[in-house]
Amino acid sequence: ALEMLKDEYESSNAPAYLAQVAAACQREGRSEQEAAAFILAESPYELE
């Protein structure tokens, strides 16, 4: 899912891409904290 979304944006740390991943996490029933932790752990790029 990350790779599929990544193709739609120029870089994997674009805010729009990260927002899409967060929305996907919400649909899967994850909390805000779990979504943020997932993105930071799974992204191959350095994020703030």
All heavy atoms as atom14 arrays in JSON, in Angstrom:
{
  "sequence": "ALEMLKDEYESSNAPAYLAQVAAACQREGRSEQEAAAFILAESPYELE",
  "atom14_mask": [
    [1, 1, 1, 1, 1, 0, 0, 0, 0, 0, 0, 0, 0, 0],
    [1, 1, 1, 1, 1, 1, 1, 1, 0, 0, 0, 0, 0, 0],
    [1, 1, 1, 1, 1, 1, 1, 1, 1, 0, 0, 0, 0, 0],
    [1, 1, 1, 1, 1, 1, 1, 1, 0, 0, 0, 0, 0, 0],
    [1, 1, 1, 1, 1, 1, 1, 1, 0, 0, 0, 0, 0, 0],
    [1, 1, 1, 1, 1, 1, 1, 1, 1, 0, 0, 0, 0, 0],
    [1, 1, 1, 1, 1, 1, 1, 1, 0, 0, 0, 0, 0, 0],
    [1, 1, 1, 1, 1, 1, 1, 1, 1, 0, 0, 0, 0, 0],
    [1, 1, 1, 1, 1, 1, 1, 1, 1, 1, 1, 1, 0, 0],
    [1, 1, 1, 1, 1, 1, 1, 1, 1, 0, 0, 0, 0, 0],
    [1, 1, 1, 1, 1, 1, 0, 0, 0, 0, 0, 0, 0, 0],
    [1, 1, 1, 1, 1, 1, 0, 0, 0, 0, 0, 0, 0, 0],
    [1, 1, 1, 1, 1, 1, 1, 1, 0, 0, 0, 0, 0, 0],
    [1, 1, 1, 1, 1, 0, 0, 0, 0, 0, 0, 0, 0, 0],
    [1, 1, 1, 1, 1, 1, 1, 0, 0, 0, 0, 0, 0, 0],
    [1, 1, 1, 1, 1, 0, 0, 0, 0, 0, 0, 0, 0, 0],
    [1, 1, 1, 1, 1, 1, 1, 1, 1, 1, 1, 1, 0, 0],
    [1, 1, 1, 1, 1, 1, 1, 1, 0, 0, 0, 0, 0, 0],
    [1, 1, 1, 1, 1, 0, 0, 0, 0, 0, 0, 0, 0, 0],
    [1, 1, 1, 1, 1, 1, 1, 1, 1, 0, 0, 0, 0, 0],
    [1, 1, 1, 1, 1, 1, 1, 0, 0, 0, 0, 0, 0, 0],
    [1, 1, 1, 1, 1, 0, 0, 0, 0, 0, 0, 0, 0, 0],
    [1, 1, 1, 1, 1, 0, 0, 0, 0, 0, 0, 0, 0, 0],
    [1, 1, 1, 1, 1, 0, 0, 0, 0, 0, 0, 0, 0, 0],
    [1, 1, 1, 1, 1, 1, 0, 0, 0, 0, 0, 0, 0, 0],
    [1, 1, 1, 1, 1, 1, 1, 1, 1, 0, 0, 0, 0, 0],
    [1, 1, 1, 1, 1, 1, 1, 1, 1, 1, 1, 0, 0, 0],
    [1, 1, 1, 1, 1, 1, 1, 1, 1, 0, 0, 0, 0, 0],
    [1, 1, 1, 1, 0, 0, 0, 0, 0, 0, 0, 0, 0, 0],
    [1, 1, 1, 1, 1, 1, 1, 1, 1, 1, 1, 0, 0, 0],
    [1, 1, 1, 1, 1, 1, 0, 0, 0, 0, 0, 0, 0, 0],
    [1, 1, 1, 1, 1, 1, 1, 1, 1, 0, 0, 0, 0, 0],
    [1, 1, 1, 1, 1, 1, 1, 1, 1, 0, 0, 0, 0, 0],
    [1, 1, 1, 1, 1, 1, 1, 1, 1, 0, 0, 0, 0, 0],
    [1, 1, 1, 1, 1, 0, 0, 0, 0, 0, 0, 0, 0, 0],
    [1, 1, 1, 1, 1, 0, 0, 0, 0, 0, 0, 0, 0, 0],
    [1, 1, 1, 1, 1, 0, 0, 0, 0, 0, 0, 0, 0, 0],
    [1, 1, 1, 1, 1, 1, 1, 1, 1, 1, 1, 0, 0, 0],
    [1, 1, 1, 1, 1, 1, 1, 1, 0, 0, 0, 0, 0, 0],
    [1, 1, 1, 1, 1, 1, 1, 1, 0, 0, 0, 0, 0, 0],
    [1, 1, 1, 1, 1, 0, 0, 0, 0, 0, 0, 0, 0, 0],
    [1, 1, 1, 1, 1, 1, 1, 1, 1, 0, 0, 0, 0, 0],
    [1, 1, 1, 1, 1, 1, 0, 0, 0, 0, 0, 0, 0, 0],
    [1, 1, 1, 1, 1, 1, 1, 0, 0, 0, 0, 0, 0, 0],
    [1, 1, 1, 1, 1, 1, 1, 1, 1, 1, 1, 1, 0, 0],
    [1, 1, 1, 1, 1, 1, 1, 1, 1, 0, 0, 0, 0, 0],
    [1, 1, 1, 1, 1, 1, 1, 1, 0, 0, 0, 0, 0, 0],
    [1, 1, 1, 1, 1, 1, 1, 1, 1, 0, 0, 0, 0, 0]
  ],
  "atom14_positions": [
    [[0.83, -1.21, 0.0], [0.0, 0.0, 0.0], [0.86, 1.25, 0.0], [0.57, 2.23, -0.69], [-0.92, -0.02, 1.22], [0.0, 0.0, 0.0], [0.0, 0.0, 0.0], [0.0, 0.0, 0.0], [0.0, 0.0, 0.0], [0.0, 0.0, 0.0], [0.0, 0.0, 0.0], [0.0, 0.0, 0.0], [0.0, 0.0, 0.0], [0.0, 0.0, 0.0]],
    [[1.95, 1.23, 0.77], [2.87, 2.36, 0.78], [3.46, 2.58, -0.61], [3.54, 3.71, -1.09], [4.01, 2.12, 1.79], [3.65, 2.19, 3.28], [4.84, 1.76, 4.11], [3.23, 3.6, 3.65], [0.0, 0.0, 0.0], [0.0, 0.0, 0.0], [0.0, 0.0, 0.0], [0.0, 0.0, 0.0], [0.0, 0.0, 0.0], [0.0, 0.0, 0.0]],
    [[3.88, 1.49, -1.23], [4.5, 1.62, -2.55], [3.49, 2.11, -3.59], [3.84, 2.91, -4.46], [5.07, 0.26, -2.98], [6.21, -0.23, -2.08], [7.4, 0.7, -2.12], [7.58, 1.4, -3.14], [8.15, 0.75, -1.12], [0.0, 0.0, 0.0], [0.0, 0.0, 0.0], [0.0, 0.0, 0.0], [0.0, 0.0, 0.0], [0.0, 0.0, 0.0]],
    [[2.24, 1.65, -3.48], [1.22, 2.08, -4.43], [0.95, 3.58, -4.28], [0.85, 4.32, -5.27], [-0.08, 1.3, -4.21], [0.0, -0.15, -4.73], [-1.36, -1.18, -4.15], [-2.75, -0.13, -4.46], [0.0, 0.0, 0.0], [0.0, 0.0, 0.0], [0.0, 0.0, 0.0], [0.0, 0.0, 0.0], [0.0, 0.0, 0.0], [0.0, 0.0, 0.0]],
    [[0.85, 4.04, -3.06], [0.62, 5.46, -2.84], [1.82, 6.3, -3.24], [1.67, 7.4, -3.77], [0.3, 5.72, -1.36], [-1.08, 5.27, -0.88], [-1.15, 5.34, 0.65], [-2.16, 6.15, -1.48], [0.0, 0.0, 0.0], [0.0, 0.0, 0.0], [0.0, 0.0, 0.0], [0.0, 0.0, 0.0], [0.0, 0.0, 0.0], [0.0, 0.0, 0.0]],
    [[3.0, 5.75, -3.04], [4.22, 6.48, -3.33], [4.3, 6.85, -4.81], [4.84, 7.9, -5.17], [5.43, 5.64, -2.93], [6.75, 6.39, -2.97], [7.93, 5.48, -2.67], [7.78, 4.82, -1.33], [8.94, 3.97, -1.01], [0.0, 0.0, 0.0], [0.0, 0.0, 0.0], [0.0, 0.0, 0.0], [0.0, 0.0, 0.0], [0.0, 0.0, 0.0]],
    [[3.78, 6.01, -5.67], [3.85, 6.27, -7.11], [3.07, 7.51, -7.51], [3.31, 8.1, -8.56], [3.31, 5.06, -7.88], [4.22, 3.85, -7.7], [5.41, 4.06, -7.34], [3.74, 2.72, -7.89], [0.0, 0.0, 0.0], [0.0, 0.0, 0.0], [0.0, 0.0, 0.0], [0.0, 0.0, 0.0], [0.0, 0.0, 0.0], [0.0, 0.0, 0.0]],
    [[2.1, 7.92, -6.68], [1.26, 9.04, -7.03], [1.89, 10.39, -6.69], [1.37, 11.44, -7.06], [-0.09, 8.93, -6.32], [-0.86, 7.66, -6.68], [-2.18, 7.6, -5.95], [-2.64, 8.69, -5.5], [-2.74, 6.51, -5.82], [0.0, 0.0, 0.0], [0.0, 0.0, 0.0], [0.0, 0.0, 0.0], [0.0, 0.0, 0.0], [0.0, 0.0, 0.0]],
    [[2.99, 10.37, -5.97], [3.6, 11.62, -5.52], [5.07, 11.64, -5.86], [5.7, 10.6, -6.07], [3.39, 11.79, -4.0], [1.93, 11.8, -3.64], [1.3, 10.64, -3.21], [1.19, 12.97, -3.76], [-0.04, 10.63, -2.91], [-0.15, 12.97, -3.46], [-0.77, 11.81, -3.03], [-2.09, 11.81, -2.73], [0.0, 0.0, 0.0], [0.0, 0.0, 0.0]],
    [[5.65, 12.86, -5.89], [7.04, 13.0, -6.31], [8.0, 12.41, -5.3], [9.04, 11.89, -5.67], [7.34, 14.48, -6.54], [6.58, 15.1, -7.7], [6.93, 16.56, -7.88], [7.77, 17.07, -7.12], [6.37, 17.19, -8.79], [0.0, 0.0, 0.0], [0.0, 0.0, 0.0], [0.0, 0.0, 0.0], [0.0, 0.0, 0.0], [0.0, 0.0, 0.0]],
    [[7.69, 12.53, -4.03], [8.59, 11.99, -3.0], [7.77, 11.37, -1.88], [6.64, 11.77, -1.63], [9.49, 13.09, -2.43], [8.72, 14.05, -1.76], [0.0, 0.0, 0.0], [0.0, 0.0, 0.0], [0.0, 0.0, 0.0], [0.0, 0.0, 0.0], [0.0, 0.0, 0.0], [0.0, 0.0, 0.0], [0.0, 0.0, 0.0], [0.0, 0.0, 0.0]],
    [[8.39, 10.43, -1.19], [7.64, 9.69, -0.17], [7.43, 10.49, 1.1], [6.71, 10.04, 1.98], [8.39, 8.39, 0.17], [9.61, 8.69, 0.82], [0.0, 0.0, 0.0], [0.0, 0.0, 0.0], [0.0, 0.0, 0.0], [0.0, 0.0, 0.0], [0.0, 0.0, 0.0], [0.0, 0.0, 0.0], [0.0, 0.0, 0.0], [0.0, 0.0, 0.0]],
    [[8.07, 11.65, 1.23], [7.81, 12.45, 2.42], [6.97, 13.68, 2.1], [6.92, 14.63, 2.88], [9.12, 12.86, 3.11], [9.96, 13.75, 2.22], [9.71, 13.84, 1.02], [10.96, 14.4, 2.8], [0.0, 0.0, 0.0], [0.0, 0.0, 0.0], [0.0, 0.0, 0.0], [0.0, 0.0, 0.0], [0.0, 0.0, 0.0], [0.0, 0.0, 0.0]],
    [[6.3, 13.69, 0.92], [5.38, 14.77, 0.6], [4.21, 14.74, 1.57], [3.7, 13.68, 1.9], [4.87, 14.62, -0.83], [0.0, 0.0, 0.0], [0.0, 0.0, 0.0], [0.0, 0.0, 0.0], [0.0, 0.0, 0.0], [0.0, 0.0, 0.0], [0.0, 0.0, 0.0], [0.0, 0.0, 0.0], [0.0, 0.0, 0.0], [0.0, 0.0, 0.0]],
    [[3.76, 15.91, 2.05], [2.65, 15.93, 3.02], [1.4, 15.22, 2.52], [0.71, 14.55, 3.29], [2.41, 17.43, 3.23], [3.73, 18.07, 2.93], [4.34, 17.25, 1.84], [0.0, 0.0, 0.0], [0.0, 0.0, 0.0], [0.0, 0.0, 0.0], [0.0, 0.0, 0.0], [0.0, 0.0, 0.0], [0.0, 0.0, 0.0], [0.0, 0.0, 0.0]],
    [[1.11, 15.36, 1.23], [-0.09, 14.7, 0.69], [0.02, 13.18, 0.8], [-0.95, 12.49, 1.13], [-0.31, 15.12, -0.76], [0.0, 0.0, 0.0], [0.0, 0.0, 0.0], [0.0, 0.0, 0.0], [0.0, 0.0, 0.0], [0.0, 0.0, 0.0], [0.0, 0.0, 0.0], [0.0, 0.0, 0.0], [0.0, 0.0, 0.0], [0.0, 0.0, 0.0]],
    [[1.2, 12.64, 0.5], [1.42, 11.2, 0.6], [1.28, 10.73, 2.05], [0.61, 9.73, 2.34], [2.8, 10.86, 0.05], [3.29, 9.49, 0.44], [2.7, 8.34, -0.09], [4.34, 9.34, 1.34], [3.14, 7.08, 0.28], [4.79, 8.1, 1.71], [4.2, 6.96, 1.17], [4.64, 5.72, 1.54], [0.0, 0.0, 0.0], [0.0, 0.0, 0.0]],
    [[1.89, 11.47, 2.97], [1.82, 11.07, 4.38], [0.39, 11.15, 4.9], [-0.04, 10.32, 5.7], [2.74, 11.96, 5.22], [4.24, 11.91, 4.86], [5.03, 12.85, 5.76], [4.78, 10.49, 4.99], [0.0, 0.0, 0.0], [0.0, 0.0, 0.0], [0.0, 0.0, 0.0], [0.0, 0.0, 0.0], [0.0, 0.0, 0.0], [0.0, 0.0, 0.0]],
    [[-0.36, 12.13, 4.41], [-1.76, 12.25, 4.82], [-2.57, 11.06, 4.31], [-3.46, 10.56, 5.0], [-2.34, 13.57, 4.31], [0.0, 0.0, 0.0], [0.0, 0.0, 0.0], [0.0, 0.0, 0.0], [0.0, 0.0, 0.0], [0.0, 0.0, 0.0], [0.0, 0.0, 0.0], [0.0, 0.0, 0.0], [0.0, 0.0, 0.0], [0.0, 0.0, 0.0]],
    [[-2.27, 10.58, 3.08], [-2.96, 9.41, 2.53], [-2.66, 8.17, 3.37], [-3.55, 7.37, 3.66], [-2.51, 9.17, 1.08], [-3.07, 10.18, 0.09], [-4.48, 9.81, -0.36], [-5.15, 9.02, 0.28], [-4.92, 10.4, -1.46], [0.0, 0.0, 0.0], [0.0, 0.0, 0.0], [0.0, 0.0, 0.0], [0.0, 0.0, 0.0], [0.0, 0.0, 0.0]],
    [[-1.41, 8.01, 3.77], [-1.04, 6.86, 4.61], [-1.76, 6.94, 5.95], [-2.26, 5.94, 6.48], [0.48, 6.79, 4.81], [0.85, 5.65, 5.75], [1.18, 6.62, 3.47], [0.0, 0.0, 0.0], [0.0, 0.0, 0.0], [0.0, 0.0, 0.0], [0.0, 0.0, 0.0], [0.0, 0.0, 0.0], [0.0, 0.0, 0.0], [0.0, 0.0, 0.0]],
    [[-1.83, 8.16, 6.52], [-2.51, 8.34, 7.8], [-3.99, 7.99, 7.67], [-4.57, 7.33, 8.54], [-2.34, 9.77, 8.28], [0.0, 0.0, 0.0], [0.0, 0.0, 0.0], [0.0, 0.0, 0.0], [0.0, 0.0, 0.0], [0.0, 0.0, 0.0], [0.0, 0.0, 0.0], [0.0, 0.0, 0.0], [0.0, 0.0, 0.0], [0.0, 0.0, 0.0]],
    [[-4.6, 8.41, 6.53], [-6.01, 8.08, 6.31], [-6.22, 6.58, 6.18], [-7.2, 6.01, 6.68], [-6.5, 8.8, 5.05], [0.0, 0.0, 0.0], [0.0, 0.0, 0.0], [0.0, 0.0, 0.0], [0.0, 0.0, 0.0], [0.0, 0.0, 0.0], [0.0, 0.0, 0.0], [0.0, 0.0, 0.0], [0.0, 0.0, 0.0], [0.0, 0.0, 0.0]],
    [[-5.26, 5.89, 5.52], [-5.34, 4.44, 5.4], [-5.25, 3.78, 6.77], [-5.96, 2.81, 7.06], [-4.23, 3.93, 4.48], [0.0, 0.0, 0.0], [0.0, 0.0, 0.0], [0.0, 0.0, 0.0], [0.0, 0.0, 0.0], [0.0, 0.0, 0.0], [0.0, 0.0, 0.0], [0.0, 0.0, 0.0], [0.0, 0.0, 0.0], [0.0, 0.0, 0.0]],
    [[-4.38, 4.3, 7.61], [-4.26, 3.77, 8.98], [-5.56, 3.95, 9.75], [-5.99, 3.06, 10.49], [-3.12, 4.48, 9.72], [-1.47, 4.04, 9.16], [0.0, 0.0, 0.0], [0.0, 0.0, 0.0], [0.0, 0.0, 0.0], [0.0, 0.0, 0.0], [0.0, 0.0, 0.0], [0.0, 0.0, 0.0], [0.0, 0.0, 0.0], [0.0, 0.0, 0.0]],
    [[-6.19, 5.1, 9.56], [-7.45, 5.35, 10.26], [-8.53, 4.38, 9.8], [-9.3, 3.86, 10.61], [-7.89, 6.8, 10.01], [-9.13, 7.21, 10.82], [-9.56, 8.63, 10.51], [-9.46, 9.07, 9.37], [-10.04, 9.33, 11.52], [0.0, 0.0, 0.0], [0.0, 0.0, 0.0], [0.0, 0.0, 0.0], [0.0, 0.0, 0.0], [0.0, 0.0, 0.0]],
    [[-8.57, 4.1, 8.49], [-9.56, 3.14, 7.98], [-9.32, 1.75, 8.53], [-10.25, 0.95, 8.67], [-9.51, 3.12, 6.44], [-10.08, 4.38, 5.79], [-10.3, 4.18, 4.3], [-9.06, 3.87, 3.59], [-8.25, 4.8, 3.07], [-8.55, 6.08, 3.2], [-7.15, 4.44, 2.43], [0.0, 0.0, 0.0], [0.0, 0.0, 0.0], [0.0, 0.0, 0.0]],
    [[-8.08, 1.43, 8.83], [-7.74, 0.11, 9.37], [-7.97, 0.03, 10.87], [-7.68, -0.99, 11.49], [-6.29, -0.22, 9.05], [-6.01, -0.38, 7.56], [-6.69, -1.62, 7.01], [-7.02, -2.52, 7.8], [-6.91, -1.69, 5.79], [0.0, 0.0, 0.0], [0.0, 0.0, 0.0], [0.0, 0.0, 0.0], [0.0, 0.0, 0.0], [0.0, 0.0, 0.0]],
    [[-8.4, 1.17, 11.5], [-8.71, 1.13, 12.93], [-7.55, 1.48, 13.83], [-7.62, 1.22, 15.04], [0.0, 0.0, 0.0], [0.0, 0.0, 0.0], [0.0, 0.0, 0.0], [0.0, 0.0, 0.0], [0.0, 0.0, 0.0], [0.0, 0.0, 0.0], [0.0, 0.0, 0.0], [0.0, 0.0, 0.0], [0.0, 0.0, 0.0], [0.0, 0.0, 0.0]],
    [[-6.5, 2.08, 13.29], [-5.35, 2.44, 14.13], [-5.58, 3.81, 14.79], [-6.33, 4.65, 14.28], [-4.08, 2.5, 13.29], [-3.81, 1.26, 12.43], [-3.74, -0.01, 13.27], [-2.59, -0.02, 14.14], [-2.3, -0.98, 15.0], [-3.12, -2.03, 15.1], [-1.24, -0.93, 15.74], [0.0, 0.0, 0.0], [0.0, 0.0, 0.0], [0.0, 0.0, 0.0]],
    [[-4.93, 4.06, 15.9], [-5.01, 5.35, 16.58], [-4.03, 6.33, 15.93], [-3.18, 5.93, 15.12], [-4.66, 5.2, 18.06], [-3.29, 4.85, 18.21], [0.0, 0.0, 0.0], [0.0, 0.0, 0.0], [0.0, 0.0, 0.0], [0.0, 0.0, 0.0], [0.0, 0.0, 0.0], [0.0, 0.0, 0.0], [0.0, 0.0, 0.0], [0.0, 0.0, 0.0]],
    [[-4.14, 7.6, 16.3], [-3.22, 8.61, 15.77], [-1.78, 8.27, 16.12], [-0.88, 8.35, 15.27], [-3.55, 10.0, 16.33], [-4.76, 10.67, 15.73], [-4.9, 12.11, 16.19], [-3.85, 12.77, 16.38], [-6.04, 12.57, 16.38], [0.0, 0.0, 0.0], [0.0, 0.0, 0.0], [0.0, 0.0, 0.0], [0.0, 0.0, 0.0], [0.0, 0.0, 0.0]],
    [[-1.55, 7.89, 17.38], [-0.2, 7.58, 17.82], [0.37, 6.38, 17.06], [1.55, 6.38, 16.66], [-0.18, 7.3, 19.33], [-0.52, 8.51, 20.2], [-1.99, 8.77, 20.3], [-2.82, 8.05, 19.71], [-2.37, 9.81, 21.03], [0.0, 0.0, 0.0], [0.0, 0.0, 0.0], [0.0, 0.0, 0.0], [0.0, 0.0, 0.0], [0.0, 0.0, 0.0]],
    [[-0.47, 5.37, 16.85], [-0.01, 4.18, 16.12], [0.28, 4.52, 14.66], [1.26, 4.02, 14.08], [-1.06, 3.08, 16.21], [-1.19, 2.48, 17.61], [-2.39, 1.55, 17.74], [-3.39, 1.77, 17.03], [-2.31, 0.61, 18.55], [0.0, 0.0, 0.0], [0.0, 0.0, 0.0], [0.0, 0.0, 0.0], [0.0, 0.0, 0.0], [0.0, 0.0, 0.0]],
    [[-0.53, 5.4, 14.06], [-0.3, 5.78, 12.66], [1.0, 6.54, 12.51], [1.79, 6.29, 11.59], [-1.48, 6.62, 12.16], [0.0, 0.0, 0.0], [0.0, 0.0, 0.0], [0.0, 0.0, 0.0], [0.0, 0.0, 0.0], [0.0, 0.0, 0.0], [0.0, 0.0, 0.0], [0.0, 0.0, 0.0], [0.0, 0.0, 0.0], [0.0, 0.0, 0.0]],
    [[1.24, 7.49, 13.41], [2.48, 8.26, 13.35], [3.69, 7.37, 13.56], [4.72, 7.48, 12.85], [2.46, 9.38, 14.39], [0.0, 0.0, 0.0], [0.0, 0.0, 0.0], [0.0, 0.0, 0.0], [0.0, 0.0, 0.0], [0.0, 0.0, 0.0], [0.0, 0.0, 0.0], [0.0, 0.0, 0.0], [0.0, 0.0, 0.0], [0.0, 0.0, 0.0]],
    [[3.6, 6.44, 14.52], [4.71, 5.52, 14.78], [4.98, 4.63, 13.57], [6.14, 4.34, 13.23], [4.41, 4.68, 16.01], [0.0, 0.0, 0.0], [0.0, 0.0, 0.0], [0.0, 0.0, 0.0], [0.0, 0.0, 0.0], [0.0, 0.0, 0.0], [0.0, 0.0, 0.0], [0.0, 0.0, 0.0], [0.0, 0.0, 0.0], [0.0, 0.0, 0.0]],
    [[3.9, 4.16, 12.91], [4.04, 3.31, 11.73], [4.77, 4.04, 10.6], [5.69, 3.52, 9.98], [2.66, 2.84, 11.25], [2.69, 2.14, 9.92], [3.11, 0.82, 9.83], [2.33, 2.8, 8.77], [3.15, 0.17, 8.6], [2.37, 2.17, 7.54], [2.79, 0.85, 7.45], [0.0, 0.0, 0.0], [0.0, 0.0, 0.0], [0.0, 0.0, 0.0]],
    [[4.34, 5.28, 10.32], [4.95, 6.05, 9.23], [6.44, 6.28, 9.51], [7.28, 6.1, 8.63], [4.21, 7.39, 9.06], [2.8, 7.13, 8.51], [4.97, 8.32, 8.11], [1.93, 8.38, 8.47], [0.0, 0.0, 0.0], [0.0, 0.0, 0.0], [0.0, 0.0, 0.0], [0.0, 0.0, 0.0], [0.0, 0.0, 0.0], [0.0, 0.0, 0.0]],
    [[6.77, 6.67, 10.74], [8.17, 6.93, 11.08], [9.03, 5.67, 11.01], [10.19, 5.71, 10.63], [8.26, 7.55, 12.48], [7.7, 8.98, 12.61], [7.62, 9.39, 14.07], [8.6, 9.96, 11.84], [0.0, 0.0, 0.0], [0.0, 0.0, 0.0], [0.0, 0.0, 0.0], [0.0, 0.0, 0.0], [0.0, 0.0, 0.0], [0.0, 0.0, 0.0]],
    [[8.43, 4.54, 11.36], [9.19, 3.28, 11.37], [9.35, 2.7, 9.97], [10.4, 2.14, 9.63], [8.49, 2.27, 12.29], [0.0, 0.0, 0.0], [0.0, 0.0, 0.0], [0.0, 0.0, 0.0], [0.0, 0.0, 0.0], [0.0, 0.0, 0.0], [0.0, 0.0, 0.0], [0.0, 0.0, 0.0], [0.0, 0.0, 0.0], [0.0, 0.0, 0.0]],
    [[8.33, 2.83, 9.11], [8.33, 2.16, 7.81], [8.9, 2.99, 6.67], [9.33, 2.46, 5.65], [6.9, 1.73, 7.46], [6.33, 0.66, 8.37], [7.1, -0.65, 8.26], [7.61, -0.96, 7.17], [7.21, -1.35, 9.28], [0.0, 0.0, 0.0], [0.0, 0.0, 0.0], [0.0, 0.0, 0.0], [0.0, 0.0, 0.0], [0.0, 0.0, 0.0]],
    [[8.91, 4.32, 6.84], [9.39, 5.14, 5.73], [10.9, 5.0, 5.57], [11.64, 5.07, 6.55], [9.04, 6.61, 5.97], [9.61, 7.41, 4.96], [0.0, 0.0, 0.0], [0.0, 0.0, 0.0], [0.0, 0.0, 0.0], [0.0, 0.0, 0.0], [0.0, 0.0, 0.0], [0.0, 0.0, 0.0], [0.0, 0.0, 0.0], [0.0, 0.0, 0.0]],
    [[11.38, 4.81, 4.34], [12.83, 4.71, 4.11], [13.49, 6.08, 4.11], [14.71, 6.17, 3.97], [12.9, 4.07, 2.73], [11.66, 4.5, 2.04], [10.61, 4.57, 3.1], [0.0, 0.0, 0.0], [0.0, 0.0, 0.0], [0.0, 0.0, 0.0], [0.0, 0.0, 0.0], [0.0, 0.0, 0.0], [0.0, 0.0, 0.0], [0.0, 0.0, 0.0]],
    [[12.71, 7.14, 4.27], [13.25, 8.49, 4.26], [13.25, 9.07, 5.66], [12.45, 8.69, 6.51], [12.41, 9.4, 3.33], [12.39, 8.91, 1.9], [11.41, 8.04, 1.46], [13.36, 9.33, 1.0], [11.38, 7.57, 0.16], [13.35, 8.89, -0.31], [12.36, 8.01, -0.73], [12.35, 7.57, -2.02], [0.0, 0.0, 0.0], [0.0, 0.0, 0.0]],
    [[14.15, 10.03, 5.89], [14.23, 10.66, 7.2], [13.12, 11.7, 7.33], [13.0, 12.61, 6.51], [15.59, 11.36, 7.37], [15.8, 11.93, 8.76], [17.19, 12.53, 8.96], [18.03, 12.31, 8.07], [17.4, 13.18, 9.97], [0.0, 0.0, 0.0], [0.0, 0.0, 0.0], [0.0, 0.0, 0.0], [0.0, 0.0, 0.0], [0.0, 0.0, 0.0]],
    [[12.29, 11.55, 8.35], [11.15, 12.43, 8.54], [11.28, 13.15, 9.89], [11.9, 12.64, 10.82], [9.84, 11.64, 8.5], [9.57, 10.83, 7.24], [8.3, 10.01, 7.41], [9.45, 11.74, 6.03], [0.0, 0.0, 0.0], [0.0, 0.0, 0.0], [0.0, 0.0, 0.0], [0.0, 0.0, 0.0], [0.0, 0.0, 0.0], [0.0, 0.0, 0.0]],
    [[10.65, 14.32, 9.98], [10.6, 15.05, 11.24], [9.38, 14.58, 12.04], [8.25, 14.72, 11.59], [10.5, 16.55, 10.98], [11.73, 17.14, 10.32], [11.64, 18.66, 10.22], [10.7, 19.23, 10.83], [12.49, 19.25, 9.55], [0.0, 0.0, 0.0], [0.0, 0.0, 0.0], [0.0, 0.0, 0.0], [0.0, 0.0, 0.0], [0.0, 0.0, 0.0]]
  ]
}
